[in-house]
Protein backbone atom coordinates (compact mmCIF):
# COMPACT_ATOMS: atom_id res chain seq x y z
CA MET A 1 27.76 34.39 -32.99
CA SER A 2 24.70 33.15 -35.17
CA ALA A 3 25.74 30.29 -35.71
CA LYS A 4 26.43 29.11 -32.07
CA ARG A 5 23.37 30.33 -31.05
CA ASP A 6 22.04 28.54 -34.20
CA ALA A 7 23.85 25.28 -32.67
CA ASP A 8 22.02 25.83 -29.01
CA GLN A 9 19.37 26.37 -30.43
CA SER A 10 19.31 22.74 -32.33
CA ARG A 11 19.93 20.80 -28.69
CA THR A 12 16.94 18.78 -27.69
CA PRO A 13 16.86 19.44 -23.20
CA VAL A 14 17.53 15.53 -22.31
CA VAL A 15 14.84 15.63 -19.13
CA PHE A 16 15.28 12.50 -17.11
CA ILE A 17 12.11 11.15 -15.20
CA ASP A 18 12.43 8.42 -12.19
CA ARG A 19 9.87 6.57 -11.35
CA PHE A 20 8.79 4.96 -8.14
CA SER A 21 7.27 2.29 -8.91
CA ALA A 22 6.75 -1.04 -9.00
CA GLY A 23 3.43 -1.36 -9.68
CA LEU A 24 1.34 -1.09 -5.91
CA ASP A 25 -0.16 2.95 -6.96
CA GLU A 26 -1.79 0.81 -10.61
CA LEU A 27 -3.93 -0.81 -8.40
CA THR A 28 -7.35 0.26 -7.47
CA ARG A 29 -7.53 1.27 -4.24
CA LYS A 30 -10.06 -2.10 -3.88
CA GLU A 31 -7.28 -3.76 -4.94
CA GLN A 32 -4.87 -2.36 -2.55
CA ALA A 33 -6.24 -3.48 0.02
CA SER A 34 -6.31 -6.87 -0.82
CA VAL A 35 -3.41 -8.57 0.44
CA VAL A 36 -3.52 -11.03 -1.56
CA GLU A 37 -3.65 -8.60 -5.15
CA VAL A 38 -0.70 -6.75 -3.35
CA LEU A 39 0.78 -10.04 -2.76
CA ARG A 40 1.09 -10.99 -6.10
CA VAL A 41 2.09 -7.47 -7.30
CA LEU A 42 5.34 -8.51 -4.81
CA LYS A 43 5.81 -11.63 -5.86
CA ARG A 44 5.51 -10.69 -9.69
CA THR A 45 8.10 -7.60 -9.40
CA GLY A 46 9.88 -8.65 -5.91
CA ARG A 47 10.19 -4.90 -4.47
CA PHE A 48 8.46 -1.77 -3.73
CA SER A 49 9.09 1.37 -3.13
CA VAL A 50 8.07 3.14 -0.02
CA PHE A 51 6.66 6.03 -1.98
CA GLU A 52 3.56 3.48 -3.45
CA ALA A 53 3.34 1.86 0.18
CA THR A 54 3.05 4.95 1.58
CA ASP A 55 0.84 6.92 -1.18
CA ASN A 56 -2.31 6.21 0.67
CA ASP A 57 -3.82 4.99 3.97
CA THR A 58 -5.19 2.00 1.55
CA ILE A 59 -1.30 0.55 0.42
CA ALA A 60 -0.01 1.71 3.96
CA ARG A 61 -2.34 -0.37 5.50
CA THR A 62 -2.54 -3.20 3.88
CA MET A 63 1.65 -3.03 3.50
CA ASP A 64 1.90 -2.45 7.02
CA PHE A 65 -0.14 -5.96 7.82
CA ILE A 66 1.78 -7.95 4.85
CA VAL A 67 5.08 -7.60 6.45
CA LYS A 68 3.27 -7.87 10.41
CA GLN A 69 2.18 -11.14 9.83
CA LYS A 70 5.23 -11.71 7.52
CA LEU A 71 3.73 -12.55 4.07
CA VAL A 72 7.08 -11.07 2.81
CA GLU A 73 10.64 -11.23 3.76
CA ILE A 74 11.95 -7.59 3.70
CA ASN A 75 15.91 -7.88 2.38
CA PRO A 76 17.42 -4.88 3.86
CA ASN A 77 20.75 -3.86 1.96
CA GLU A 78 19.52 -5.00 -1.44
CA ASP A 79 18.27 -1.90 -2.85
CA ALA A 80 19.27 1.42 -2.55
CA TYR A 81 16.52 3.45 -1.18
CA PRO A 82 13.63 4.40 -1.85
CA TRP A 83 13.27 0.47 -2.98
CA SER A 84 13.57 -2.58 -0.81
CA ARG A 85 13.67 -6.30 -2.50
CA VAL A 86 10.77 -8.68 -0.88
CA THR A 87 10.39 -12.00 -1.39
CA LEU A 88 7.68 -14.34 -0.13
CA THR A 89 7.41 -15.79 2.95
CA ALA A 90 6.05 -19.68 2.57
CA ARG A 91 2.74 -18.25 4.56
CA GLY A 92 2.35 -15.95 1.68
CA GLU A 93 2.63 -17.74 -1.10
CA GLU A 94 0.11 -20.21 0.60
CA ALA A 95 -2.62 -17.11 0.99
CA ILE A 96 -1.87 -16.89 -3.08
CA GLU A 97 -2.85 -20.39 -3.45
CA GLN A 98 -5.19 -20.29 -1.48
CA ALA A 99 -7.10 -17.18 -2.97
CA ALA A 100 -6.71 -18.70 -6.54
CA GLU A 101 -8.26 -22.32 -5.16
CA THR A 102 -10.92 -20.62 -3.73
CA SER A 103 -11.26 -17.56 -6.52
CA GLN A 104 -11.72 -15.05 -3.83
CA VAL A 105 -10.08 -11.74 -2.59
CA ILE A 106 -8.79 -11.39 0.92
CA ASP A 107 -8.74 -8.10 2.14
CA ALA A 108 -6.52 -7.34 5.19
CA GLN A 109 -9.11 -6.82 8.30
CA THR A 110 -11.32 -10.45 6.37
CA TRP A 111 -7.65 -12.08 6.42
CA SER A 112 -7.45 -11.22 10.79
CA VAL A 113 -11.55 -12.10 11.26
CA LEU A 114 -10.39 -15.79 8.84
CA SER A 115 -7.00 -16.51 11.29
CA ASP A 116 -7.99 -14.84 14.30
CA ASP A 117 -5.39 -12.61 14.45
CA THR A 118 -5.06 -8.71 15.39
CA PRO A 119 -7.48 -6.56 12.71
CA ALA A 120 -4.82 -4.70 10.19
CA ILE A 121 -7.25 -1.72 10.78
CA GLU A 122 -8.19 0.01 14.41
CA ALA A 123 -12.46 -0.26 15.38
CA ALA A 124 -13.78 2.73 14.84
CA PRO A 125 -13.98 5.26 18.05
CA GLU A 126 -16.80 4.69 20.36
CA LYS A 127 -19.88 6.84 19.54
CA VAL A 128 -20.57 9.49 22.34
CA GLU A 129 -23.91 9.38 23.11
CA THR A 130 -25.98 12.60 23.44
CA SER A 131 -28.90 13.20 25.53
CA ALA A 132 -32.05 13.35 23.59
CA ASP A 133 -33.07 16.22 24.47
CA SER A 134 -30.02 18.37 23.64
CA ASP A 135 -29.38 19.54 20.70
CA GLY A 136 -26.34 19.40 20.31
CA GLY A 137 -25.61 23.09 20.88
CA MET A 138 -23.00 24.86 23.33
CA GLY A 139 -26.61 27.00 25.16
CA ASP A 140 -27.47 23.12 27.23
CA ARG A 141 -23.99 23.48 28.89
CA GLN A 142 -24.71 24.87 32.90
């Protein structure tokens, strides 16, 4: 009995670690807001996982913009969930080349302004004006 117990105790447990990252989650938030930086990662890896592409609002907005502007082509059915295979389009390649030539980083909002496209980031809601003599409390209501 003790020989069996010794054999069981000598086993090293096996641990499997799944990593659902192609590198987008390793970018800083500033880099995640950059269309060009994200395109560079997508070009290098050729894929992304839905988990890293929706990890936070910054990368989600940038990925949404990249897809809507057709800077990448998503190749369906080439990978199992949560992975998506992508190929940069000519427009995506051009964006990287232009940034390299001018040494600038273009974020989604700047890109949309420069290209006259719809802004990728929704405008902030209009500020509600309050009267100057109101203290903002409920006591001002009739």
